[in-house]
Amino acid sequence: MKLSSNTFHYSLAVTCALLLFSPVAADEGSVSPSIWEFTIEPKPMIYKSGNVTYGNRLFMLPTDDCGVQIHAWFTSYNKEALKNLEGQDIEMDVVILEGENNYPLMNEAYLEYVLDPSFGDLDLLFSIASFRLGNLNSAETLLNWQDMGATGFQMTAPSDEVFDVPVESWDFSGFRPAVQELLTWCKGNQA
């Protein structure tokens, strides 16, 4: 069974919302930091929750030729302003982090659609912007970035006007094993 893109993203949004409101506690009662993970449900991908806002996700889906499509979710309580930007390229810096250096990947990102998650009749206070960040021809490029000293990714909005927390980052904790699992799965499932 194939899931439509919107069904997949809605399912993932509800799952993330559940995680945000569930007791995921570490030793001190705080949320445990996430690591990169590989999954095949609801679709094959690697993903990681944000270092600043747990509900912000970066995920990479394999293409038929073992490249990757890169997507990000960025949450906001400014629901109306966010909805007005749906379907547009908006100013958003996306960089690869390497120590004190940032290497720009793009300065605009396409806001594909906005999700307004709810539980039954209860509308949540935030919306989720689903960004399409682009494609890489080979998932192995991700491993090359880490080999060259990259430590993570960062997205930054120009202000807090639309995104109340305008900066998010995703470190490379668990990145290599997750990418390797993705590559193994992809190579084993090529047509």
Protein backbone atom coordinates (compact mmCIF):
# COMPACT_ATOMS: atom_id res chain seq x y z
CA MET A 1 0.00 0.00 0.00
CA LYS A 2 1.35 3.41 -0.96
CA LEU A 3 0.63 6.42 1.24
CA SER A 4 0.03 9.77 -0.37
CA SER A 5 2.49 12.48 0.58
CA ASN A 6 -0.16 14.42 2.52
CA THR A 7 -1.36 11.31 4.39
CA PHE A 8 2.24 10.46 5.27
CA HIS A 9 3.01 13.97 6.53
CA TYR A 10 -0.25 14.18 8.48
CA SER A 11 0.45 10.81 10.12
CA LEU A 12 3.95 11.94 10.98
CA ALA A 13 2.60 15.24 12.40
CA VAL A 14 0.16 13.45 14.69
CA THR A 15 2.93 11.10 15.80
CA CYS A 16 5.21 14.06 16.59
CA ALA A 17 2.41 15.81 18.47
CA LEU A 18 1.85 12.70 20.55
CA LEU A 19 5.55 12.58 21.34
CA LEU A 20 5.50 16.24 22.36
CA PHE A 21 2.76 15.61 24.91
CA SER A 22 3.93 12.23 26.19
CA PRO A 23 6.26 11.77 29.16
CA VAL A 24 9.63 11.17 27.51
CA ALA A 25 11.81 11.75 30.54
CA ALA A 26 15.52 11.52 31.12
CA ASP A 27 17.26 11.33 34.51
CA GLU A 28 16.46 14.93 35.44
CA GLY A 29 12.89 14.90 34.09
CA SER A 30 13.81 16.59 30.82
CA VAL A 31 13.20 15.35 27.30
CA SER A 32 15.86 12.92 26.13
CA PRO A 33 17.92 14.21 23.21
CA SER A 34 17.08 12.45 19.99
CA ILE A 35 19.44 10.65 17.64
CA TRP A 36 19.15 10.01 13.93
CA GLU A 37 17.05 6.93 13.27
CA PHE A 38 16.11 4.81 10.27
CA THR A 39 12.56 3.55 9.85
CA ILE A 40 10.50 1.95 7.10
CA GLU A 41 7.13 2.99 8.59
CA PRO A 42 5.20 4.90 7.37
CA LYS A 43 7.84 5.29 4.63
CA PRO A 44 11.56 4.52 4.55
CA MET A 45 13.52 7.48 5.90
CA ILE A 46 16.04 8.74 8.40
CA TYR A 47 14.92 11.45 10.78
CA LYS A 48 15.86 13.41 13.88
CA SER A 49 14.02 15.77 16.21
CA GLY A 50 15.38 19.26 16.67
CA ASN A 51 17.94 20.22 19.29
CA VAL A 52 15.93 23.37 20.19
CA THR A 53 12.31 22.31 19.62
CA TYR A 54 11.64 18.59 19.76
CA GLY A 55 8.72 18.87 17.30
CA ASN A 56 10.95 20.29 14.57
CA ARG A 57 12.09 17.38 12.43
CA LEU A 58 14.61 16.92 9.67
CA PHE A 59 13.99 13.84 7.58
CA MET A 60 15.45 12.32 4.45
CA LEU A 61 13.57 9.91 2.21
CA PRO A 62 15.34 7.68 -0.30
CA THR A 63 14.67 8.06 -4.00
CA ASP A 64 14.48 5.11 -6.41
CA ASP A 65 18.17 5.55 -7.32
CA CYS A 66 19.38 5.81 -3.66
CA GLY A 67 19.52 9.56 -3.58
CA VAL A 68 17.58 11.43 -0.87
CA GLN A 69 14.81 14.00 -0.69
CA ILE A 70 15.38 16.32 2.26
CA HIS A 71 12.42 17.74 4.18
CA ALA A 72 12.04 19.66 7.41
CA TRP A 73 9.24 20.44 9.79
CA PHE A 74 9.35 23.74 11.60
CA THR A 75 6.64 24.45 14.18
CA SER A 76 5.05 27.82 14.88
CA TYR A 77 2.35 29.27 17.11
CA ASN A 78 1.84 32.02 14.52
CA LYS A 79 -0.66 29.89 12.60
CA GLU A 80 -2.26 32.54 10.41
CA ALA A 81 1.03 34.11 9.29
CA LEU A 82 2.38 30.65 8.50
CA LYS A 83 -0.69 29.64 6.49
CA ASN A 84 -0.32 32.79 4.36
CA LEU A 85 3.13 31.58 3.22
CA GLU A 86 2.03 28.09 2.16
CA GLY A 87 3.16 27.14 -1.37
CA GLN A 88 5.89 29.79 -1.52
CA ASP A 89 9.65 30.03 -1.37
CA ILE A 90 10.41 31.92 1.81
CA GLU A 91 13.60 33.34 3.27
CA MET A 92 15.19 30.59 5.38
CA ASP A 93 18.90 29.95 5.76
CA VAL A 94 19.85 26.28 5.70
CA VAL A 95 23.47 25.52 6.52
CA ILE A 96 25.80 22.66 7.31
CA LEU A 97 27.53 23.22 10.64
CA GLU A 98 31.24 22.55 11.06
CA GLY A 99 32.64 23.78 14.36
CA GLU A 100 32.49 27.56 14.29
CA ASN A 101 31.85 27.60 10.53
CA ASN A 102 28.58 27.41 8.63
CA TYR A 103 28.43 26.30 5.00
CA PRO A 104 25.30 27.59 3.25
CA LEU A 105 23.12 25.12 1.38
CA MET A 106 20.31 27.56 0.56
CA ASN A 107 18.85 30.89 1.62
CA GLU A 108 15.27 30.14 0.57
CA ALA A 109 13.15 27.08 1.27
CA TYR A 110 9.90 25.98 -0.31
CA LEU A 111 7.06 25.84 2.24
CA GLU A 112 5.22 22.92 0.64
CA TYR A 113 2.23 22.93 3.00
CA VAL A 114 1.12 23.70 6.55
CA LEU A 115 -0.29 21.05 8.87
CA ASP A 116 -2.73 21.97 11.63
CA PRO A 117 -2.69 18.89 13.84
CA SER A 118 -5.59 18.08 16.13
CA PHE A 119 -6.78 15.32 18.43
CA GLY A 120 -10.46 14.74 17.74
CA ASP A 121 -12.16 18.07 18.39
CA LEU A 122 -9.10 19.59 20.07
CA ASP A 123 -7.07 21.85 17.78
CA LEU A 124 -3.45 22.15 18.85
CA LEU A 125 -2.02 25.62 19.42
CA PHE A 126 0.73 25.27 16.83
CA SER A 127 1.03 24.54 13.12
CA ILE A 128 3.76 22.64 11.34
CA ALA A 129 5.42 24.08 8.24
CA SER A 130 6.57 21.30 5.93
CA PHE A 131 9.58 22.46 3.91
CA ARG A 132 10.97 20.71 0.87
CA LEU A 133 14.70 21.42 1.02
CA GLY A 134 15.87 19.58 -2.08
CA ASN A 135 17.45 16.38 -3.31
CA LEU A 136 20.86 14.78 -3.24
CA ASN A 137 21.83 12.40 -6.06
CA SER A 138 23.44 10.00 -3.60
CA ALA A 139 22.79 9.33 0.07
CA GLU A 140 26.54 8.64 0.34
CA THR A 141 27.06 12.42 0.03
CA LEU A 142 25.69 12.66 3.58
CA LEU A 143 28.51 10.44 4.85
CA ASN A 144 31.05 12.54 2.93
CA TRP A 145 29.84 15.69 4.71
CA GLN A 146 30.39 14.06 8.08
CA ASP A 147 33.81 12.73 6.99
CA MET A 148 34.81 16.30 6.08
CA GLY A 149 34.04 17.52 9.60
CA ALA A 150 30.38 18.55 9.42
CA THR A 151 28.63 18.35 12.79
CA GLY A 152 25.01 18.99 11.86
CA PHE A 153 22.43 21.09 10.04
CA GLN A 154 20.78 24.38 10.98
CA MET A 155 17.74 26.30 9.69
CA THR A 156 17.25 29.95 10.55
CA ALA A 157 14.29 32.21 9.77
CA PRO A 158 15.06 35.93 9.35
CA SER A 159 13.02 36.88 12.46
CA ASP A 160 10.50 35.56 14.97
CA GLU A 161 7.63 37.21 13.10
CA VAL A 162 6.38 33.91 11.63
CA PHE A 163 8.44 31.33 13.50
CA ASP A 164 8.38 32.19 17.20
CA VAL A 165 11.57 30.11 17.67
CA PRO A 166 13.43 31.10 14.48
CA VAL A 167 16.51 28.84 14.81
CA GLU A 168 16.69 25.05 14.80
CA SER A 169 19.60 22.65 14.56
CA TRP A 170 20.05 18.92 14.19
CA ASP A 171 23.38 17.45 15.27
CA PHE A 172 24.89 14.29 13.80
CA SER A 173 24.28 12.07 16.85
CA GLY A 174 23.59 8.62 15.38
CA PHE A 175 23.85 10.01 11.84
CA ARG A 176 26.35 7.55 10.31
CA PRO A 177 24.55 4.35 11.42
CA ALA A 178 21.19 5.76 10.27
CA VAL A 179 22.54 6.73 6.83
CA GLN A 180 24.22 3.33 6.49
CA GLU A 181 20.91 1.59 7.32
CA LEU A 182 19.16 3.77 4.73
CA LEU A 183 21.78 2.88 2.10
CA THR A 184 21.55 -0.85 2.90
CA TRP A 185 17.76 -0.73 2.66
CA CYS A 186 17.84 1.29 -0.55
CA LYS A 187 20.40 -0.93 -2.32
CA GLY A 188 18.41 -4.03 -1.32
CA ASN A 189 15.16 -2.54 -2.69
CA GLN A 190 16.29 -1.09 -6.00
CA ALA A 191 14.19 -2.30 -8.92
